[in-house]
Amino acid sequence: MLAKKYRLKSNSDISKVFRDGKTVKSSFLFLKYCENQESHFRIAISVGLNYSKKAPSRNRVKRVLRASMHPLLEDIKPGYDLVFFFSKDFQAEIKLKESRILVKECLSRANLLK
């Protein structure tokens, strides 16, 4: 579980990232990001109904993505809001090792790693 200060919860903040942010893609994983006024980064993960109609499978994907981010938390540049989401084509069960690679690839393409 991410610490509270690292969570992006507000709908208005998430909407701002989708409206004003830049996008980076890594095969099936997308990252939208924009700068914030905080001294740290905040992360949201969105797994929509296009992935699965069943909440337990969507929640599992979110848990795997959160777990894959833990080793990278110290390496992410502060001052950004990040929203991770999948493309509509993604229908596979994601593994921890694969998700770690996808997350790191997205962050490096966005130049958000220290």
N, C-alpha and C. Protein backbone atom coordinates (compact mmCIF):
# COMPACT_ATOMS: atom_id res chain seq x y z
N MET A 1 0.84 -1.17 0.00
CA MET A 1 0.00 0.00 0.00
C MET A 1 0.89 1.24 0.00
N LEU A 2 0.53 2.19 -0.80
CA LEU A 2 1.27 3.45 -0.85
C LEU A 2 0.91 4.31 0.35
N ALA A 3 1.86 5.07 0.85
CA ALA A 3 1.58 6.01 1.93
C ALA A 3 0.59 7.06 1.45
N LYS A 4 -0.19 7.62 2.37
CA LYS A 4 -1.25 8.56 1.99
C LYS A 4 -0.74 9.74 1.19
N LYS A 5 0.45 10.23 1.53
CA LYS A 5 0.94 11.41 0.83
C LYS A 5 1.26 11.12 -0.63
N TYR A 6 1.46 9.84 -0.98
CA TYR A 6 1.77 9.46 -2.36
C TYR A 6 0.53 9.12 -3.18
N ARG A 7 -0.66 9.19 -2.59
CA ARG A 7 -1.88 8.82 -3.31
C ARG A 7 -2.54 10.05 -3.92
N LEU A 8 -2.96 9.90 -5.15
CA LEU A 8 -3.71 10.94 -5.85
C LEU A 8 -5.16 10.49 -5.83
N LYS A 9 -5.99 11.12 -5.00
CA LYS A 9 -7.35 10.65 -4.77
C LYS A 9 -8.42 11.57 -5.36
N SER A 10 -8.19 12.85 -5.34
CA SER A 10 -9.21 13.82 -5.72
C SER A 10 -9.57 13.71 -7.20
N ASN A 11 -10.87 13.66 -7.48
CA ASN A 11 -11.32 13.60 -8.88
C ASN A 11 -10.88 14.83 -9.66
N SER A 12 -10.86 15.98 -9.01
CA SER A 12 -10.45 17.20 -9.72
C SER A 12 -8.97 17.14 -10.09
N ASP A 13 -8.15 16.58 -9.21
CA ASP A 13 -6.72 16.45 -9.50
C ASP A 13 -6.47 15.44 -10.62
N ILE A 14 -7.19 14.33 -10.59
CA ILE A 14 -7.05 13.32 -11.64
C ILE A 14 -7.53 13.88 -12.97
N SER A 15 -8.64 14.63 -12.96
CA SER A 15 -9.14 15.26 -14.19
C SER A 15 -8.13 16.25 -14.74
N LYS A 16 -7.46 16.98 -13.85
CA LYS A 16 -6.44 17.94 -14.28
C LYS A 16 -5.30 17.22 -14.99
N VAL A 17 -4.89 16.06 -14.47
CA VAL A 17 -3.81 15.29 -15.10
C VAL A 17 -4.25 14.83 -16.48
N PHE A 18 -5.48 14.32 -16.61
CA PHE A 18 -5.95 13.87 -17.91
C PHE A 18 -6.13 15.03 -18.89
N ARG A 19 -6.52 16.20 -18.38
CA ARG A 19 -6.76 17.35 -19.25
C ARG A 19 -5.45 18.03 -19.67
N ASP A 20 -4.54 18.23 -18.72
CA ASP A 20 -3.34 19.03 -18.98
C ASP A 20 -2.06 18.23 -19.10
N GLY A 21 -2.10 16.94 -18.76
CA GLY A 21 -0.89 16.16 -18.67
C GLY A 21 -0.37 15.64 -20.00
N LYS A 22 0.84 15.14 -19.94
CA LYS A 22 1.48 14.50 -21.09
C LYS A 22 1.31 13.00 -20.95
N THR A 23 1.38 12.28 -22.09
CA THR A 23 1.15 10.84 -22.09
C THR A 23 2.38 10.10 -22.60
N VAL A 24 2.66 8.98 -21.95
CA VAL A 24 3.74 8.07 -22.35
C VAL A 24 3.15 6.67 -22.38
N LYS A 25 3.53 5.88 -23.39
CA LYS A 25 2.99 4.54 -23.54
C LYS A 25 4.11 3.50 -23.51
N SER A 26 3.82 2.38 -22.85
CA SER A 26 4.72 1.24 -22.83
C SER A 26 3.89 0.01 -23.10
N SER A 27 3.88 -0.48 -24.29
CA SER A 27 3.05 -1.59 -24.78
C SER A 27 1.59 -1.41 -24.37
N PHE A 28 1.15 -1.94 -23.23
CA PHE A 28 -0.26 -1.81 -22.84
C PHE A 28 -0.50 -0.83 -21.71
N LEU A 29 0.56 -0.36 -21.08
CA LEU A 29 0.44 0.54 -19.94
C LEU A 29 0.68 1.98 -20.38
N PHE A 30 -0.22 2.86 -19.97
CA PHE A 30 -0.09 4.29 -20.25
C PHE A 30 0.22 5.02 -18.96
N LEU A 31 0.95 6.12 -19.09
CA LEU A 31 1.22 7.01 -17.97
C LEU A 31 0.88 8.42 -18.40
N LYS A 32 -0.02 9.05 -17.65
CA LYS A 32 -0.30 10.47 -17.85
C LYS A 32 0.30 11.18 -16.65
N TYR A 33 0.98 12.29 -16.89
CA TYR A 33 1.64 12.99 -15.79
C TYR A 33 1.63 14.48 -16.02
N CYS A 34 1.63 15.23 -14.95
CA CYS A 34 1.80 16.69 -15.01
C CYS A 34 2.40 17.15 -13.68
N GLU A 35 2.92 18.33 -13.68
CA GLU A 35 3.54 18.87 -12.47
C GLU A 35 2.48 19.25 -11.45
N ASN A 36 2.86 19.14 -10.17
CA ASN A 36 1.97 19.60 -9.11
C ASN A 36 2.70 20.61 -8.24
N GLN A 37 2.01 21.13 -7.24
CA GLN A 37 2.60 22.14 -6.36
C GLN A 37 3.13 21.52 -5.07
N GLU A 38 3.17 20.20 -4.99
CA GLU A 38 3.61 19.49 -3.80
C GLU A 38 5.13 19.29 -3.84
N SER A 39 5.68 18.91 -2.70
CA SER A 39 7.12 18.62 -2.64
C SER A 39 7.39 17.13 -2.87
N HIS A 40 6.35 16.39 -3.26
CA HIS A 40 6.47 14.96 -3.52
C HIS A 40 5.56 14.61 -4.70
N PHE A 41 5.68 13.39 -5.18
CA PHE A 41 4.83 12.94 -6.27
C PHE A 41 3.59 12.26 -5.69
N ARG A 42 2.54 12.16 -6.52
CA ARG A 42 1.33 11.45 -6.14
C ARG A 42 0.94 10.53 -7.29
N ILE A 43 0.43 9.35 -6.96
CA ILE A 43 0.14 8.33 -7.96
C ILE A 43 -1.31 7.87 -7.85
N ALA A 44 -1.95 7.67 -9.02
CA ALA A 44 -3.26 7.03 -9.11
C ALA A 44 -3.17 5.92 -10.15
N ILE A 45 -3.92 4.86 -9.92
CA ILE A 45 -3.97 3.75 -10.86
C ILE A 45 -5.42 3.55 -11.26
N SER A 46 -5.66 3.52 -12.56
CA SER A 46 -7.00 3.36 -13.07
C SER A 46 -7.08 2.09 -13.92
N VAL A 47 -7.97 1.19 -13.54
CA VAL A 47 -8.22 -0.01 -14.32
C VAL A 47 -9.71 -0.02 -14.59
N GLY A 48 -10.09 0.24 -15.81
CA GLY A 48 -11.49 0.42 -16.15
C GLY A 48 -12.25 -0.85 -16.44
N LEU A 49 -13.53 -0.67 -16.70
CA LEU A 49 -14.41 -1.79 -17.03
C LEU A 49 -14.02 -2.46 -18.33
N ASN A 50 -13.25 -1.77 -19.17
CA ASN A 50 -12.82 -2.40 -20.41
C ASN A 50 -11.82 -3.53 -20.15
N TYR A 51 -11.18 -3.53 -18.98
CA TYR A 51 -10.29 -4.63 -18.61
C TYR A 51 -11.11 -5.85 -18.19
N SER A 52 -12.04 -5.65 -17.27
CA SER A 52 -12.88 -6.73 -16.78
C SER A 52 -14.12 -6.13 -16.13
N LYS A 53 -15.22 -6.81 -16.24
CA LYS A 53 -16.45 -6.36 -15.58
C LYS A 53 -16.43 -6.72 -14.10
N LYS A 54 -15.51 -7.59 -13.70
CA LYS A 54 -15.47 -8.08 -12.33
C LYS A 54 -14.47 -7.27 -11.51
N ALA A 55 -14.96 -6.70 -10.41
CA ALA A 55 -14.12 -5.87 -9.55
C ALA A 55 -12.92 -6.61 -8.97
N PRO A 56 -13.04 -7.87 -8.55
CA PRO A 56 -11.85 -8.53 -7.98
C PRO A 56 -10.68 -8.62 -8.94
N SER A 57 -10.94 -8.84 -10.22
CA SER A 57 -9.81 -8.90 -11.17
C SER A 57 -9.22 -7.52 -11.42
N ARG A 58 -10.05 -6.47 -11.43
CA ARG A 58 -9.52 -5.11 -11.57
C ARG A 58 -8.70 -4.73 -10.34
N ASN A 59 -9.18 -5.10 -9.16
CA ASN A 59 -8.46 -4.78 -7.92
C ASN A 59 -7.13 -5.52 -7.85
N ARG A 60 -7.09 -6.75 -8.35
CA ARG A 60 -5.84 -7.51 -8.35
C ARG A 60 -4.79 -6.81 -9.21
N VAL A 61 -5.21 -6.33 -10.37
CA VAL A 61 -4.27 -5.62 -11.24
C VAL A 61 -3.74 -4.36 -10.55
N LYS A 62 -4.61 -3.65 -9.86
CA LYS A 62 -4.16 -2.46 -9.13
C LYS A 62 -3.16 -2.83 -8.04
N ARG A 63 -3.43 -3.91 -7.31
CA ARG A 63 -2.50 -4.34 -6.27
C ARG A 63 -1.14 -4.72 -6.84
N VAL A 64 -1.15 -5.40 -7.97
CA VAL A 64 0.11 -5.81 -8.60
C VAL A 64 0.89 -4.57 -9.06
N LEU A 65 0.19 -3.60 -9.64
CA LEU A 65 0.88 -2.38 -10.07
C LEU A 65 1.45 -1.61 -8.89
N ARG A 66 0.68 -1.49 -7.81
CA ARG A 66 1.19 -0.81 -6.63
C ARG A 66 2.42 -1.51 -6.06
N ALA A 67 2.37 -2.84 -6.02
CA ALA A 67 3.50 -3.60 -5.51
C ALA A 67 4.73 -3.44 -6.39
N SER A 68 4.52 -3.32 -7.69
CA SER A 68 5.66 -3.16 -8.59
C SER A 68 6.29 -1.78 -8.48
N MET A 69 5.58 -0.81 -7.92
CA MET A 69 6.11 0.54 -7.78
C MET A 69 6.96 0.72 -6.53
N HIS A 70 6.78 -0.11 -5.53
CA HIS A 70 7.49 0.08 -4.26
C HIS A 70 9.00 0.18 -4.39
N PRO A 71 9.68 -0.66 -5.19
CA PRO A 71 11.13 -0.48 -5.31
C PRO A 71 11.53 0.81 -6.02
N LEU A 72 10.61 1.40 -6.76
CA LEU A 72 10.92 2.60 -7.54
C LEU A 72 10.57 3.90 -6.84
N LEU A 73 9.92 3.85 -5.69
CA LEU A 73 9.42 5.06 -5.04
C LEU A 73 10.53 6.05 -4.73
N GLU A 74 11.69 5.57 -4.33
CA GLU A 74 12.79 6.48 -4.00
C GLU A 74 13.41 7.10 -5.25
N ASP A 75 13.18 6.49 -6.41
CA ASP A 75 13.82 6.96 -7.64
C ASP A 75 12.95 7.92 -8.45
N ILE A 76 11.69 8.10 -8.09
CA ILE A 76 10.79 8.97 -8.85
C ILE A 76 11.02 10.42 -8.45
N LYS A 77 11.11 11.29 -9.44
CA LYS A 77 11.31 12.71 -9.18
C LYS A 77 10.10 13.29 -8.46
N PRO A 78 10.32 14.16 -7.47
CA PRO A 78 9.19 14.78 -6.76
C PRO A 78 8.55 15.88 -7.60
N GLY A 79 7.31 16.23 -7.24
CA GLY A 79 6.64 17.36 -7.88
C GLY A 79 5.79 16.99 -9.07
N TYR A 80 5.35 15.73 -9.18
CA TYR A 80 4.53 15.30 -10.31
C TYR A 80 3.33 14.49 -9.83
N ASP A 81 2.23 14.62 -10.55
CA ASP A 81 1.07 13.76 -10.38
C ASP A 81 1.10 12.74 -11.51
N LEU A 82 0.96 11.45 -11.16
CA LEU A 82 1.06 10.37 -12.14
C LEU A 82 -0.22 9.54 -12.11
N VAL A 83 -0.75 9.23 -13.29
CA VAL A 83 -1.90 8.34 -13.40
C VAL A 83 -1.53 7.23 -14.37
N PHE A 84 -1.56 5.98 -13.89
CA PHE A 84 -1.28 4.81 -14.71
C PHE A 84 -2.61 4.18 -15.11
N PHE A 85 -2.73 3.78 -16.39
CA PHE A 85 -3.92 3.07 -16.85
C PHE A 85 -3.56 2.21 -18.04
N PHE A 86 -4.43 1.24 -18.34
CA PHE A 86 -4.19 0.29 -19.41
C PHE A 86 -4.94 0.68 -20.66
N SER A 87 -4.41 0.23 -21.82
CA SER A 87 -5.12 0.43 -23.07
C SER A 87 -6.32 -0.51 -23.13
N LYS A 88 -7.25 -0.24 -24.02
CA LYS A 88 -8.45 -1.05 -24.14
C LYS A 88 -8.15 -2.45 -24.66
N ASP A 89 -7.00 -2.63 -25.31
CA ASP A 89 -6.64 -3.92 -25.90
C ASP A 89 -6.12 -4.92 -24.87
N PHE A 90 -5.76 -4.45 -23.69
CA PHE A 90 -5.13 -5.32 -22.69
C PHE A 90 -6.15 -6.23 -22.04
N GLN A 91 -5.97 -7.54 -22.15
CA GLN A 91 -6.90 -8.50 -21.56
C GLN A 91 -6.18 -9.64 -20.86
N ALA A 92 -4.93 -9.52 -20.58
CA ALA A 92 -4.16 -10.62 -19.96
C ALA A 92 -4.02 -10.37 -18.46
N GLU A 93 -3.72 -11.42 -17.74
CA GLU A 93 -3.43 -11.33 -16.32
C GLU A 93 -1.98 -10.87 -16.20
N ILE A 94 -1.76 -9.80 -15.49
CA ILE A 94 -0.42 -9.23 -15.40
C ILE A 94 0.32 -9.81 -14.19
N LYS A 95 1.58 -10.09 -14.37
CA LYS A 95 2.44 -10.63 -13.32
C LYS A 95 3.29 -9.50 -12.74
N LEU A 96 3.78 -9.70 -11.53
CA LEU A 96 4.55 -8.67 -10.84
C LEU A 96 5.81 -8.30 -11.60
N LYS A 97 6.52 -9.29 -12.11
CA LYS A 97 7.77 -9.02 -12.82
C LYS A 97 7.52 -8.21 -14.10
N GLU A 98 6.46 -8.59 -14.84
CA GLU A 98 6.11 -7.86 -16.07
C GLU A 98 5.69 -6.43 -15.76
N SER A 99 4.90 -6.26 -14.71
CA SER A 99 4.42 -4.92 -14.38
C SER A 99 5.56 -4.01 -13.95
N ARG A 100 6.55 -4.58 -13.24
CA ARG A 100 7.70 -3.78 -12.83
C ARG A 100 8.45 -3.24 -14.05
N ILE A 101 8.59 -4.08 -15.06
CA ILE A 101 9.26 -3.66 -16.29
C ILE A 101 8.47 -2.57 -17.00
N LEU A 102 7.14 -2.74 -17.09
CA LEU A 102 6.29 -1.75 -17.76
C LEU A 102 6.31 -0.41 -17.04
N VAL A 103 6.22 -0.45 -15.72
CA VAL A 103 6.21 0.80 -14.93
C VAL A 103 7.53 1.52 -15.08
N LYS A 104 8.63 0.79 -14.97
CA LYS A 104 9.95 1.42 -15.09
C LYS A 104 10.15 2.00 -16.48
N GLU A 105 9.68 1.29 -17.50
CA GLU A 105 9.80 1.79 -18.87
C GLU A 105 9.01 3.08 -19.07
N CYS A 106 7.79 3.14 -18.55
CA CYS A 106 6.99 4.35 -18.66
C CYS A 106 7.66 5.53 -17.94
N LEU A 107 8.15 5.29 -16.73
CA LEU A 107 8.78 6.35 -15.96
C LEU A 107 10.05 6.85 -16.63
N SER A 108 10.82 5.95 -17.21
CA SER A 108 12.06 6.39 -17.87
C SER A 108 11.76 7.13 -19.16
N ARG A 109 10.73 6.71 -19.91
CA ARG A 109 10.35 7.45 -21.13
C ARG A 109 9.87 8.85 -20.81
N ALA A 110 9.22 9.00 -19.67
CA ALA A 110 8.73 10.32 -19.25
C ALA A 110 9.82 11.14 -18.57
N ASN A 111 11.00 10.54 -18.38
CA ASN A 111 12.13 11.20 -17.74
C ASN A 111 11.78 11.59 -16.30
N LEU A 112 11.10 10.67 -15.59
CA LEU A 112 10.70 10.93 -14.22
C LEU A 112 11.51 10.16 -13.20
N LEU A 113 12.55 9.45 -13.64
CA LEU A 113 13.43 8.75 -12.71
C LEU A 113 14.65 9.61 -12.43
N LYS A 114 15.13 9.59 -11.20
CA LYS A 114 16.30 10.38 -10.81
C LYS A 114 17.54 9.82 -11.46
